[in-house]
Amino acid sequence: MHVSATEIPGYTYGTPAVGSSSASMDDLQRLKVATGFNAEDERYLQLAGAVLGDQVEAIVKHWRAGIIAGIPHLARHSRKLDGSPLPDYLARSNRRFEQWILDTCLRPYDQDWLNYQQEIALRHTSAKKNQTDHADSTSHVPYSDIVAFVAVLNETIRPYLQAKGHAEAEVTQMHAAWCKSMHMQMALWAKPYMEMERAGREW
């Protein structure tokens, strides 16, 4: 389940608008080896994509409205500086958040995928945050908050992986593949943060 870049505001996967990642395919291969990510994980991520495909809106609503909204230091990054709502910003970024789930599961981990990891990371730093949607919000999302919230993403995705009645062993394999991908993505997102001149202030 993929949609074209033109159908999601600000979604530029695979387009010339996305710069080349400073991480190489060799770097990605090193991360795959370190996490134990292999062809079986790719197969189970594809299965996870099929399972999650019609649930992504509910998942993102759960994460954003059900969890993040109740954590002030996380919720502020989708609000104006005075704390008032930014409904358009939230709606647009939710669409990209939903597609990120699908990209995690269904996209090949090739150069385009690697490039977009850097783009996503930069959109959380002061280099690009708010630019895509012309939002009046916080200057950046601290990397430490992003990494910490991955624990929530990993824990809360499992019930959605169970929702279509797959055997528990298959659910466990899908979940393991998802978690390995999260580790690789967070390692890749760390690189743009570390390369930022003000990285120490954005941790």
Protein backbone atom coordinates (compact mmCIF):
# COMPACT_ATOMS: atom_id res chain seq x y z
CA MET A 1 0.00 0.00 0.00
CA HIS A 2 1.93 3.00 -1.27
CA VAL A 3 0.75 6.36 -2.44
CA SER A 4 2.64 8.75 -4.64
CA ALA A 5 4.56 11.67 -3.21
CA THR A 6 2.03 14.10 -4.65
CA GLU A 7 -0.83 12.62 -2.62
CA ILE A 8 0.69 13.28 0.80
CA PRO A 9 1.65 16.88 1.63
CA GLY A 10 5.39 17.17 2.06
CA TYR A 11 6.11 13.53 1.27
CA THR A 12 9.08 13.56 -1.10
CA TYR A 13 10.34 9.99 -1.02
CA GLY A 14 12.44 9.13 -4.06
CA THR A 15 12.24 12.63 -5.56
CA PRO A 16 15.05 15.06 -6.45
CA ALA A 17 14.00 17.17 -3.46
CA VAL A 18 15.67 14.64 -1.17
CA GLY A 19 19.42 14.95 -0.79
CA SER A 20 21.86 12.06 -0.74
CA SER A 21 22.46 10.50 2.64
CA SER A 22 25.84 11.02 4.22
CA ALA A 23 25.55 7.38 5.32
CA SER A 24 26.53 4.85 2.68
CA MET A 25 25.01 1.54 1.66
CA ASP A 26 28.05 -0.04 3.32
CA ASP A 27 27.07 1.74 6.53
CA LEU A 28 23.56 0.34 6.20
CA GLN A 29 24.95 -3.15 5.65
CA ARG A 30 27.03 -2.77 8.78
CA LEU A 31 23.88 -1.86 10.73
CA LYS A 32 22.07 -4.87 9.31
CA VAL A 33 24.86 -7.15 10.49
CA ALA A 34 24.97 -5.49 13.92
CA THR A 35 21.20 -5.90 14.46
CA GLY A 36 21.01 -9.34 12.86
CA PHE A 37 18.62 -8.03 10.21
CA ASN A 38 18.43 -10.53 7.35
CA ALA A 39 16.30 -11.77 4.46
CA GLU A 40 13.87 -13.44 6.86
CA ASP A 41 13.31 -10.12 8.59
CA GLU A 42 12.64 -8.52 5.20
CA ARG A 43 10.02 -11.20 4.54
CA TYR A 44 8.36 -10.67 7.91
CA LEU A 45 8.37 -6.89 7.47
CA GLN A 46 6.51 -7.40 4.19
CA LEU A 47 3.97 -9.49 6.07
CA ALA A 48 3.77 -6.80 8.75
CA GLY A 49 3.09 -4.22 6.05
CA ALA A 50 0.17 -6.27 4.79
CA VAL A 51 -1.16 -6.64 8.34
CA LEU A 52 -0.77 -2.97 9.23
CA GLY A 53 -1.80 -1.48 5.91
CA ASP A 54 -5.40 -0.68 6.81
CA GLN A 55 -4.52 0.15 10.44
CA VAL A 56 -1.97 2.93 10.01
CA GLU A 57 -4.46 5.73 10.64
CA ALA A 58 -5.57 4.11 13.90
CA ILE A 59 -1.96 3.45 14.93
CA VAL A 60 -0.84 7.03 14.41
CA LYS A 61 -3.96 8.31 16.18
CA HIS A 62 -3.06 6.03 19.10
CA TRP A 63 0.52 7.33 19.18
CA ARG A 64 -0.27 11.00 18.66
CA ALA A 65 -3.63 11.55 20.38
CA GLY A 66 -3.50 8.68 22.85
CA ILE A 67 0.08 8.97 24.06
CA ILE A 68 2.08 11.96 22.82
CA ALA A 69 -0.73 14.44 23.52
CA GLY A 70 -0.53 13.49 27.19
CA ILE A 71 3.23 14.08 27.44
CA PRO A 72 3.76 17.87 27.39
CA HIS A 73 7.44 17.87 26.44
CA LEU A 74 6.62 15.71 23.40
CA ALA A 75 3.28 17.26 22.47
CA ARG A 76 4.77 20.75 22.20
CA HIS A 77 6.64 19.82 19.01
CA SER A 78 3.34 19.67 17.11
CA ARG A 79 1.99 22.88 18.64
CA LYS A 80 2.65 26.59 18.36
CA LEU A 81 5.27 28.09 20.63
CA ASP A 82 2.50 29.40 22.90
CA GLY A 83 1.10 25.87 23.22
CA SER A 84 -1.98 26.39 21.05
CA PRO A 85 -2.93 23.73 18.49
CA LEU A 86 -1.67 23.52 14.92
CA PRO A 87 -4.36 21.29 13.38
CA ASP A 88 -3.15 21.59 9.79
CA TYR A 89 0.43 20.79 10.77
CA LEU A 90 -0.74 17.82 12.81
CA ALA A 91 -2.94 16.49 10.02
CA ARG A 92 -0.22 16.78 7.38
CA SER A 93 2.48 15.25 9.55
CA ASN A 94 0.12 12.45 10.58
CA ARG A 95 -0.24 11.46 6.93
CA ARG A 96 3.53 11.23 6.61
CA PHE A 97 3.74 9.34 9.91
CA GLU A 98 1.28 6.79 8.55
CA GLN A 99 3.29 6.40 5.36
CA TRP A 100 6.47 5.99 7.40
CA ILE A 101 4.97 2.82 8.91
CA LEU A 102 4.36 1.46 5.42
CA ASP A 103 7.78 2.54 4.19
CA THR A 104 9.37 0.77 7.13
CA CYS A 105 7.64 -2.46 6.22
CA LEU A 106 7.27 -2.42 2.45
CA ARG A 107 10.03 -0.34 0.90
CA PRO A 108 13.29 -1.98 -0.14
CA TYR A 109 16.13 -0.73 2.01
CA ASP A 110 17.96 0.77 -0.95
CA GLN A 111 19.56 4.15 -1.66
CA ASP A 112 16.20 5.95 -1.85
CA TRP A 113 15.24 4.54 1.54
CA LEU A 114 18.60 5.50 2.99
CA ASN A 115 18.31 9.03 1.59
CA TYR A 116 14.86 9.47 3.07
CA GLN A 117 16.05 8.39 6.51
CA GLN A 118 18.34 11.41 6.45
CA GLU A 119 15.52 13.65 5.22
CA ILE A 120 13.23 12.53 8.04
CA ALA A 121 15.97 13.09 10.60
CA LEU A 122 16.74 16.57 9.28
CA ARG A 123 13.07 17.48 9.52
CA HIS A 124 13.34 16.88 13.25
CA THR A 125 16.42 19.11 13.62
CA SER A 126 16.71 22.89 13.39
CA ALA A 127 17.98 22.46 9.82
CA LYS A 128 14.53 21.61 8.47
CA LYS A 129 11.89 21.36 11.20
CA ASN A 130 8.77 23.41 10.36
CA GLN A 131 9.94 24.16 6.81
CA THR A 132 7.89 21.48 5.07
CA ASP A 133 4.58 22.73 6.48
CA HIS A 134 5.59 26.34 7.24
CA ALA A 135 4.66 25.74 10.86
CA ASP A 136 5.27 28.04 13.82
CA SER A 137 6.45 25.40 16.24
CA THR A 138 9.53 24.36 18.22
CA SER A 139 12.88 24.66 16.49
CA HIS A 140 13.76 20.98 16.80
CA VAL A 141 12.86 17.70 18.47
CA PRO A 142 15.64 16.56 20.82
CA TYR A 143 17.15 13.32 19.58
CA SER A 144 17.00 11.85 23.09
CA ASP A 145 13.19 12.20 23.04
CA ILE A 146 12.98 10.44 19.69
CA VAL A 147 15.10 7.50 20.82
CA ALA A 148 13.22 7.20 24.10
CA PHE A 149 9.84 7.12 22.34
CA VAL A 150 10.92 4.17 20.19
CA ALA A 151 10.27 2.00 23.25
CA VAL A 152 6.62 3.05 23.02
CA LEU A 153 6.47 2.48 19.26
CA ASN A 154 7.85 -1.02 19.68
CA GLU A 155 5.56 -1.95 22.56
CA THR A 156 2.35 -0.58 21.09
CA ILE A 157 2.78 -1.94 17.55
CA ARG A 158 2.47 -5.56 18.66
CA PRO A 159 -1.32 -5.59 19.25
CA TYR A 160 -1.80 -4.27 15.73
CA LEU A 161 0.44 -7.04 14.39
CA GLN A 162 -1.82 -9.52 16.23
CA ALA A 163 -5.02 -8.03 14.85
CA LYS A 164 -5.37 -10.24 11.77
CA GLY A 165 -5.16 -13.56 13.58
CA HIS A 166 -1.68 -14.69 12.62
CA ALA A 167 0.00 -17.37 14.70
CA GLU A 168 1.86 -15.99 17.69
CA ALA A 169 5.15 -17.23 16.27
CA GLU A 170 4.56 -15.16 13.14
CA VAL A 171 3.61 -12.13 15.22
CA THR A 172 6.84 -12.54 17.18
CA GLN A 173 8.85 -12.66 13.95
CA MET A 174 7.09 -9.58 12.55
CA HIS A 175 7.65 -7.73 15.80
CA ALA A 176 11.32 -8.70 15.94
CA ALA A 177 11.85 -7.46 12.38
CA TRP A 178 10.08 -4.18 13.20
CA CYS A 179 12.26 -3.65 16.29
CA LYS A 180 15.46 -4.32 14.33
CA SER A 181 14.37 -1.76 11.75
CA MET A 182 13.70 0.78 14.51
CA HIS A 183 17.23 0.29 15.83
CA MET A 184 18.72 0.77 12.37
CA GLN A 185 16.61 3.84 11.68
CA MET A 186 17.54 5.46 14.97
CA ALA A 187 21.21 4.80 14.25
CA LEU A 188 20.81 6.44 10.84
CA TRP A 189 18.86 9.39 12.27
CA ALA A 190 21.64 9.96 14.80
CA LYS A 191 24.11 10.80 12.04
CA PRO A 192 22.43 14.05 10.84
CA TYR A 193 21.98 15.13 14.46
CA MET A 194 25.66 14.51 15.17
CA GLU A 195 26.62 16.40 12.03
CA MET A 196 24.63 19.46 13.01
CA GLU A 197 26.73 22.38 14.20
CA ARG A 198 24.42 22.69 17.20
CA ALA A 199 24.07 18.96 17.79
CA GLY A 200 24.93 19.27 21.46
CA ARG A 201 21.92 21.49 21.98
CA GLU A 202 19.59 19.19 20.09
CA TRP A 203 20.32 15.98 21.93
